């Protein structure tokens, strides 16, 4: 959690977290409040709801350093996630200061903002079903139907074929350069081979990517389509899109789905990874070439390896051994997929 920098008498992050940890801070007085912390937010889980508070952080790709910036991002999170989870994202609430104390909602002075969500059943999250070995094609079919409709109705978000190719080339080179940094101790020769195969495909078969642009397949998608973001209720919902940076969610719908397939395989279900595209092709008529899927899977694996290593850059020394191991696992997957591109 970032340090507590209060300005004047306005409460800092520590005071806000302490307030939101208390069951009596919520109108329904839950039995307990559980807190889940990520790099960018804290989520307070009550009996029936989840309340997300953005941390006052600033990175090269986002700025949550002011109350107003956090309010705007909460509004974007609500708007964007209602596309695929309208029953989950309920409202944006102010955290207010009135008198001597903090209040959730109310008419006091807003000192922060939270996204209020319906709490989802953990037993129906796709990552849980994969880990328990119970996820089936029938389970995920409604979610893939939802995604197929979503992508089909989304307008094209990028129409410049050369700009798209250049962006992909830049992204794979940047990810490889970070992975190859000596401080992480990953095998440079293996990283170079992955990069060579990715860039070779971009140079050798640009039409593969140009065609996706011309077909209108580059859309404002989800951007972080992982099994832990898919809840297989009777009417499936897909949560937690990348709301804080539009560039990260403007992508080929096949790239969005390749990330989901990659994570299904990483969690132990290679069969479900194949099912993702089998069902999508069947439902959408979008016959995504397998070579394109392999490229997107490999680039996503490199990105996830880089993000794993960034935990070390952010000083999480308690997990020093964990994150390089995660990165090596993703690198092995990237090698597998790029091995099919020659």
Protein backbone atom coordinates (compact mmCIF):
# COMPACT_ATOMS: atom_id res chain seq x y z
CA UNK A 1 0.00 0.00 0.00
CA UNK A 2 1.39 3.49 -0.81
CA UNK A 3 2.49 5.74 2.05
CA UNK A 4 -0.09 7.87 3.82
CA UNK A 5 0.34 11.46 2.64
CA UNK A 6 -2.50 13.48 4.18
CA UNK A 7 -2.92 17.08 3.09
CA UNK A 8 -3.99 19.32 5.93
CA UNK A 9 -6.80 17.64 7.82
CA UNK A 10 -7.97 15.58 4.83
CA UNK A 11 -7.62 11.84 5.53
CA UNK A 12 -4.87 9.90 3.80
CA UNK A 13 -5.05 6.43 2.33
CA UNK A 14 -4.40 4.69 5.67
CA UNK A 15 -7.37 6.41 7.31
CA UNK A 16 -9.61 5.57 4.35
CA UNK A 17 -8.61 1.92 4.42
CA UNK A 18 -9.11 1.72 8.18
CA UNK A 19 -12.64 3.13 7.77
CA UNK A 20 -13.52 0.79 4.91
CA UNK A 21 -12.30 -2.26 6.84
CA UNK A 22 -14.99 -1.67 9.48
CA UNK A 23 -18.29 -3.54 8.99
CA UNK A 24 -20.24 -0.64 10.52
CA UNK A 25 -19.08 1.62 7.68
CA UNK A 26 -21.54 -0.10 5.31
CA UNK A 27 -25.32 0.35 5.23
CA UNK A 28 -26.03 -3.40 5.47
CA UNK A 29 -23.56 -3.91 8.39
CA UNK A 30 -21.94 -7.09 7.01
CA UNK A 31 -20.61 -9.77 9.32
CA UNK A 32 -17.07 -9.08 8.12
CA UNK A 33 -15.06 -7.19 5.51
CA UNK A 34 -12.31 -8.93 3.55
CA UNK A 35 -9.69 -6.85 1.75
CA UNK A 36 -8.00 -7.79 -1.54
CA UNK A 37 -5.06 -5.61 -2.60
CA UNK A 38 -3.62 -5.18 -6.10
CA UNK A 39 -1.05 -2.78 -7.55
CA UNK A 40 -3.68 -0.19 -8.36
CA UNK A 41 -6.59 -0.72 -5.99
CA UNK A 42 -8.03 -2.18 -2.82
CA UNK A 43 -11.26 -4.15 -2.96
CA UNK A 44 -13.41 -4.42 0.16
CA UNK A 45 -15.60 -7.52 0.10
CA UNK A 46 -18.76 -7.52 2.20
CA UNK A 47 -21.41 -10.22 2.37
CA UNK A 48 -23.10 -9.17 -0.87
CA UNK A 49 -21.02 -6.40 -2.45
CA UNK A 50 -17.51 -5.40 -3.47
CA UNK A 51 -16.24 -1.82 -3.17
CA UNK A 52 -13.14 -0.86 -5.16
CA UNK A 53 -10.94 2.02 -4.02
CA UNK A 54 -8.21 3.22 -6.39
CA UNK A 55 -4.79 3.76 -4.85
CA UNK A 56 -3.30 7.26 -5.25
CA UNK A 57 -0.55 5.96 -7.55
CA UNK A 58 1.07 7.17 -10.74
CA UNK A 59 2.73 4.97 -13.36
CA UNK A 60 3.83 5.63 -16.92
CA UNK A 61 0.52 4.23 -18.18
CA UNK A 62 -1.93 5.71 -15.63
CA UNK A 63 -2.32 8.54 -13.16
CA UNK A 64 -4.52 8.08 -10.08
CA UNK A 65 -2.67 10.73 -8.06
CA UNK A 66 -5.65 13.07 -7.56
CA UNK A 67 -9.16 12.58 -6.22
CA UNK A 68 -10.59 13.94 -9.48
CA UNK A 69 -8.54 11.50 -11.58
CA UNK A 70 -9.80 8.63 -9.46
CA UNK A 71 -13.39 9.81 -9.81
CA UNK A 72 -13.06 9.91 -13.60
CA UNK A 73 -11.57 6.43 -13.67
CA UNK A 74 -14.36 5.06 -11.47
CA UNK A 75 -16.91 6.48 -13.91
CA UNK A 76 -15.06 4.89 -16.82
CA UNK A 77 -14.85 1.57 -15.02
CA UNK A 78 -18.61 1.62 -14.46
CA UNK A 79 -19.38 2.61 -18.06
CA UNK A 80 -17.04 0.14 -19.74
CA UNK A 81 -17.74 -2.86 -17.55
CA UNK A 82 -21.48 -2.50 -17.95
CA UNK A 83 -20.91 -3.63 -21.55
CA UNK A 84 -20.29 -7.23 -20.39
CA UNK A 85 -21.50 -7.20 -16.77
CA UNK A 86 -24.46 -4.79 -16.44
CA UNK A 87 -25.85 -6.61 -13.42
CA UNK A 88 -22.56 -6.39 -11.52
CA UNK A 89 -21.47 -2.76 -11.78
CA UNK A 90 -23.98 -0.86 -9.66
CA UNK A 91 -22.78 2.70 -9.03
CA UNK A 92 -19.94 5.06 -8.18
CA UNK A 93 -20.03 6.19 -4.56
CA UNK A 94 -18.21 9.10 -2.91
CA UNK A 95 -16.23 8.59 0.26
CA UNK A 96 -17.12 11.79 2.09
CA UNK A 97 -15.80 13.77 5.01
CA UNK A 98 -18.46 15.33 7.21
CA UNK A 99 -17.91 16.63 10.69
CA UNK A 100 -15.11 14.61 12.22
CA UNK A 101 -15.61 11.41 10.29
CA UNK A 102 -15.72 9.55 6.99
CA UNK A 103 -18.95 8.32 5.43
CA UNK A 104 -19.74 6.04 2.50
CA UNK A 105 -21.93 8.23 0.31
CA UNK A 106 -23.75 11.16 1.84
CA UNK A 107 -23.53 14.90 1.35
CA UNK A 108 -20.13 15.66 2.84
CA UNK A 109 -16.95 16.72 1.05
CA UNK A 110 -15.78 13.94 -1.34
CA UNK A 111 -12.29 12.79 -0.42
CA UNK A 112 -12.31 9.73 -2.68
CA UNK A 113 -14.53 7.54 -4.86
CA UNK A 114 -15.39 3.86 -5.03
CA UNK A 115 -16.99 1.52 -7.55
CA UNK A 116 -19.74 -0.53 -5.93
CA UNK A 117 -20.31 -3.99 -7.42
CA UNK A 118 -22.41 -7.03 -6.76
CA UNK A 119 -20.22 -9.71 -5.23
CA UNK A 120 -19.92 -12.76 -7.47
CA UNK A 121 -19.90 -16.40 -6.32
CA UNK A 122 -16.32 -17.66 -6.26
CA UNK A 123 -17.48 -21.19 -7.07
CA UNK A 124 -18.69 -20.05 -10.50
CA UNK A 125 -15.56 -18.19 -11.57
CA UNK A 126 -13.91 -19.87 -14.55
CA UNK A 127 -10.45 -20.05 -12.97
CA UNK A 128 -11.93 -21.94 -10.00
CA UNK A 129 -13.70 -24.38 -12.32
CA UNK A 130 -10.52 -24.99 -14.31
CA UNK A 131 -8.43 -25.61 -11.19
CA UNK A 132 -11.06 -27.99 -9.82
CA UNK A 133 -11.09 -29.89 -13.12
CA UNK A 134 -14.81 -29.37 -13.67
CA UNK A 135 -14.90 -26.75 -16.46
CA UNK A 136 -16.49 -28.02 -19.68
CA UNK A 137 -17.19 -26.68 -23.15
CA UNK A 138 -20.85 -26.49 -22.17
CA UNK A 139 -19.96 -24.27 -19.22
CA UNK A 140 -18.11 -21.71 -21.33
CA UNK A 141 -20.42 -21.74 -24.37
CA UNK A 142 -22.74 -18.97 -23.03
CA UNK A 143 -19.75 -16.76 -22.20
CA UNK A 144 -18.30 -17.23 -25.70
CA UNK A 145 -21.70 -16.40 -27.17
CA UNK A 146 -21.71 -13.19 -25.11
CA UNK A 147 -18.24 -12.30 -26.37
CA UNK A 148 -19.10 -13.11 -29.99
CA UNK A 149 -22.08 -10.72 -29.83
CA UNK A 150 -19.96 -8.09 -28.12
CA UNK A 151 -17.21 -8.15 -30.75
CA UNK A 152 -19.71 -8.30 -33.61
CA UNK A 153 -21.46 -5.15 -32.40
CA UNK A 154 -18.27 -3.20 -31.62
CA UNK A 155 -17.25 -0.58 -34.20
CA UNK A 156 -13.77 -0.67 -35.66
CA UNK A 157 -11.41 1.25 -33.37
CA UNK A 158 -8.35 1.30 -35.66
CA UNK A 159 -8.39 1.45 -39.46
CA UNK A 160 -4.76 2.28 -40.35
CA UNK A 161 -3.20 -1.02 -41.44
CA UNK A 162 0.40 0.16 -41.27
CA UNK A 163 -0.07 1.79 -37.87
CA UNK A 164 -1.39 -1.50 -36.50
CA UNK A 165 1.55 -3.48 -37.80
CA UNK A 166 4.01 -0.93 -36.43
CA UNK A 167 2.32 -1.02 -33.03
CA UNK A 168 2.60 -4.81 -32.85
CA UNK A 169 6.25 -4.69 -33.84
CA UNK A 170 6.99 -2.04 -31.22
CA UNK A 171 5.15 -3.97 -28.50
CA UNK A 172 6.95 -7.28 -29.09
CA UNK A 173 10.35 -5.55 -29.18
CA UNK A 174 9.66 -3.61 -25.98
CA UNK A 175 8.49 -6.72 -24.13
CA UNK A 176 11.53 -8.72 -25.27
CA UNK A 177 13.92 -5.93 -24.26
CA UNK A 178 12.46 -5.88 -20.75
CA UNK A 179 12.59 -9.67 -20.41
CA UNK A 180 16.22 -9.68 -21.52
CA UNK A 181 17.35 -7.21 -18.84
CA UNK A 182 20.23 -8.83 -16.96
CA UNK A 183 18.75 -8.04 -13.52
CA UNK A 184 16.05 -10.67 -14.06
CA UNK A 185 18.37 -13.53 -14.98
CA UNK A 186 16.20 -14.98 -17.77
CA UNK A 187 17.91 -16.81 -20.65
CA UNK A 188 18.72 -14.16 -23.26
CA UNK A 189 19.11 -16.63 -26.14
CA UNK A 190 15.62 -18.04 -25.63
CA UNK A 191 14.12 -14.55 -25.47
CA UNK A 192 15.95 -13.53 -28.64
CA UNK A 193 14.62 -16.58 -30.48
CA UNK A 194 11.04 -15.76 -29.48
CA UNK A 195 11.50 -12.14 -30.61
CA UNK A 196 13.06 -13.22 -33.92
CA UNK A 197 10.14 -15.49 -34.73
CA UNK A 198 7.55 -12.88 -33.81
CA UNK A 199 9.15 -10.08 -35.84
CA UNK A 200 9.83 -12.46 -38.74
CA UNK A 201 6.13 -13.26 -39.01
CA UNK A 202 5.21 -9.56 -38.94
CA UNK A 203 7.70 -8.90 -41.76
CA UNK A 204 6.95 -12.03 -43.78
CA UNK A 205 3.16 -12.08 -43.58
CA UNK A 206 1.92 -8.51 -43.03
CA UNK A 207 -1.26 -9.34 -44.95
CA UNK A 208 -2.30 -11.62 -42.08
CA UNK A 209 -2.62 -8.53 -39.88
CA UNK A 210 -3.73 -6.07 -42.55
CA UNK A 211 -6.73 -8.28 -43.26
CA UNK A 212 -7.84 -8.07 -39.62
CA UNK A 213 -7.79 -4.28 -39.80
CA UNK A 214 -9.73 -4.20 -43.08
CA UNK A 215 -12.34 -6.58 -41.63
CA UNK A 216 -12.96 -4.22 -38.71
CA UNK A 217 -11.63 -6.73 -36.18
CA UNK A 218 -9.56 -4.18 -34.22
CA UNK A 219 -12.08 -3.04 -31.63
CA UNK A 220 -12.30 -1.51 -28.17
CA UNK A 221 -12.39 -4.83 -26.39
CA UNK A 222 -11.86 -6.05 -22.85
CA UNK A 223 -8.06 -5.97 -22.71
CA UNK A 224 -7.61 -8.32 -19.74
CA UNK A 225 -9.70 -11.34 -20.63
CA UNK A 226 -8.65 -13.94 -18.06
CA UNK A 227 -10.58 -16.85 -16.51
CA UNK A 228 -10.70 -15.07 -13.13
CA UNK A 229 -12.74 -12.33 -14.79
CA UNK A 230 -15.44 -14.65 -16.15
CA UNK A 231 -18.31 -15.72 -13.92
CA UNK A 232 -20.40 -18.56 -15.30
CA UNK A 233 -23.70 -17.72 -13.67
CA UNK A 234 -26.93 -18.62 -15.48
CA UNK A 235 -26.39 -15.40 -17.43
CA UNK A 236 -22.57 -15.14 -17.64
CA UNK A 237 -20.80 -11.90 -16.81
CA UNK A 238 -17.29 -10.72 -17.66
CA UNK A 239 -15.74 -8.17 -15.32
CA UNK A 240 -12.67 -6.02 -14.77
CA UNK A 241 -11.77 -4.74 -18.23
CA UNK A 242 -8.77 -2.43 -18.61
CA UNK A 243 -10.53 0.87 -18.05
CA UNK A 244 -7.55 3.08 -17.23
CA UNK A 245 -5.90 3.20 -20.66
CA UNK A 246 -7.84 2.93 -23.92
CA UNK A 247 -4.76 1.95 -25.92
CA UNK A 248 -4.52 -1.30 -23.93
CA UNK A 249 -8.05 -2.37 -24.84
CA UNK A 250 -7.94 -1.39 -28.54
CA UNK A 251 -6.92 -4.70 -30.03
CA UNK A 252 -7.87 -7.51 -32.36
CA UNK A 253 -10.80 -9.44 -30.87
CA UNK A 254 -8.72 -12.55 -31.64
CA UNK A 255 -5.95 -11.10 -29.45
CA UNK A 256 -8.46 -10.66 -26.59
CA UNK A 257 -9.54 -14.29 -26.97
CA UNK A 258 -5.95 -15.53 -27.38
CA UNK A 259 -5.22 -14.21 -23.91
CA UNK A 260 -8.15 -16.16 -22.51
CA UNK A 261 -7.02 -19.32 -24.29
CA UNK A 262 -3.44 -18.82 -23.07
CA UNK A 263 -4.58 -18.50 -19.45
CA UNK A 264 -6.86 -21.54 -19.70
CA UNK A 265 -3.86 -23.58 -20.81
CA UNK A 266 -1.59 -22.11 -18.15
CA UNK A 267 -4.12 -23.06 -15.46
CA UNK A 268 -4.14 -26.64 -16.70
CA UNK A 269 -6.81 -26.98 -19.39
CA UNK A 270 -5.30 -27.14 -22.87
CA UNK A 271 -8.58 -28.63 -24.10
CA UNK A 272 -10.53 -25.59 -22.95
CA UNK A 273 -7.97 -23.35 -24.63
CA UNK A 274 -8.86 -24.98 -27.97
CA UNK A 275 -12.55 -24.79 -27.11
CA UNK A 276 -12.36 -20.99 -26.81
CA UNK A 277 -11.59 -20.56 -30.50
CA UNK A 278 -13.66 -23.51 -31.69
CA UNK A 279 -16.76 -21.98 -30.12
CA UNK A 280 -15.89 -18.43 -31.18
CA UNK A 281 -15.40 -19.45 -34.83
CA UNK A 282 -18.64 -21.42 -34.77
CA UNK A 283 -20.68 -18.60 -33.24
CA UNK A 284 -19.19 -15.63 -35.05
CA UNK A 285 -18.21 -16.95 -38.47
CA UNK A 286 -14.84 -15.22 -37.89
CA UNK A 287 -12.43 -17.90 -39.10
CA UNK A 288 -9.33 -16.61 -37.34
CA UNK A 289 -6.20 -18.24 -38.83
CA UNK A 290 -4.37 -20.50 -36.39
CA UNK A 291 -1.05 -18.80 -37.14
CA UNK A 292 -2.52 -15.51 -36.04
CA UNK A 293 -3.78 -17.11 -32.81
CA UNK A 294 -0.31 -18.51 -32.13
CA UNK A 295 1.28 -15.10 -32.68
CA UNK A 296 -1.16 -13.40 -30.32
CA UNK A 297 -0.71 -16.12 -27.69
CA UNK A 298 3.06 -15.74 -27.84
CA UNK A 299 2.95 -11.95 -27.58
CA UNK A 300 0.50 -12.15 -24.67
CA UNK A 301 2.76 -14.65 -22.91
CA UNK A 302 5.69 -12.25 -23.26
CA UNK A 303 3.60 -9.39 -21.91
CA UNK A 304 2.50 -11.45 -18.91
CA UNK A 305 6.12 -12.48 -18.26
CA UNK A 306 7.12 -8.81 -18.28
CA UNK A 307 4.32 -7.86 -15.89
CA UNK A 308 5.36 -10.66 -13.54
CA UNK A 309 8.88 -9.29 -13.44
CA UNK A 310 7.60 -5.78 -12.78
CA UNK A 311 6.53 -6.99 -9.33
CA UNK A 312 10.25 -7.08 -8.54
CA UNK A 313 10.75 -3.60 -9.93
CA UNK A 314 7.99 -2.40 -7.60
CA UNK A 315 9.88 -3.75 -4.62
CA UNK A 316 7.86 -6.83 -3.66
CA UNK A 317 10.96 -8.56 -2.28
CA UNK A 318 8.94 -11.02 -0.19
CA UNK A 319 8.01 -12.77 -3.43
CA UNK A 320 11.45 -12.48 -5.03
CA UNK A 321 11.56 -16.15 -6.02
CA UNK A 322 7.94 -16.32 -7.17
CA UNK A 323 7.87 -13.81 -9.99
CA UNK A 324 10.88 -14.99 -12.04
CA UNK A 325 9.37 -18.49 -11.89
CA UNK A 326 6.08 -17.13 -13.21
CA UNK A 327 7.95 -15.27 -15.96
CA UNK A 328 9.85 -18.42 -16.98
CA UNK A 329 6.57 -20.31 -17.22
CA UNK A 330 5.17 -17.68 -19.58
CA UNK A 331 8.40 -17.66 -21.57
CA UNK A 332 8.07 -21.41 -22.10
CA UNK A 333 4.55 -20.88 -23.43
CA UNK A 334 5.79 -18.10 -25.74
CA UNK A 335 8.44 -20.47 -27.09
CA UNK A 336 5.82 -23.13 -27.71
CA UNK A 337 3.61 -20.81 -29.73
CA UNK A 338 6.39 -19.10 -31.69
CA UNK A 339 7.74 -22.54 -32.56
CA UNK A 340 4.69 -22.93 -34.79
CA UNK A 341 5.41 -19.69 -36.71
CA UNK A 342 8.46 -20.78 -38.72
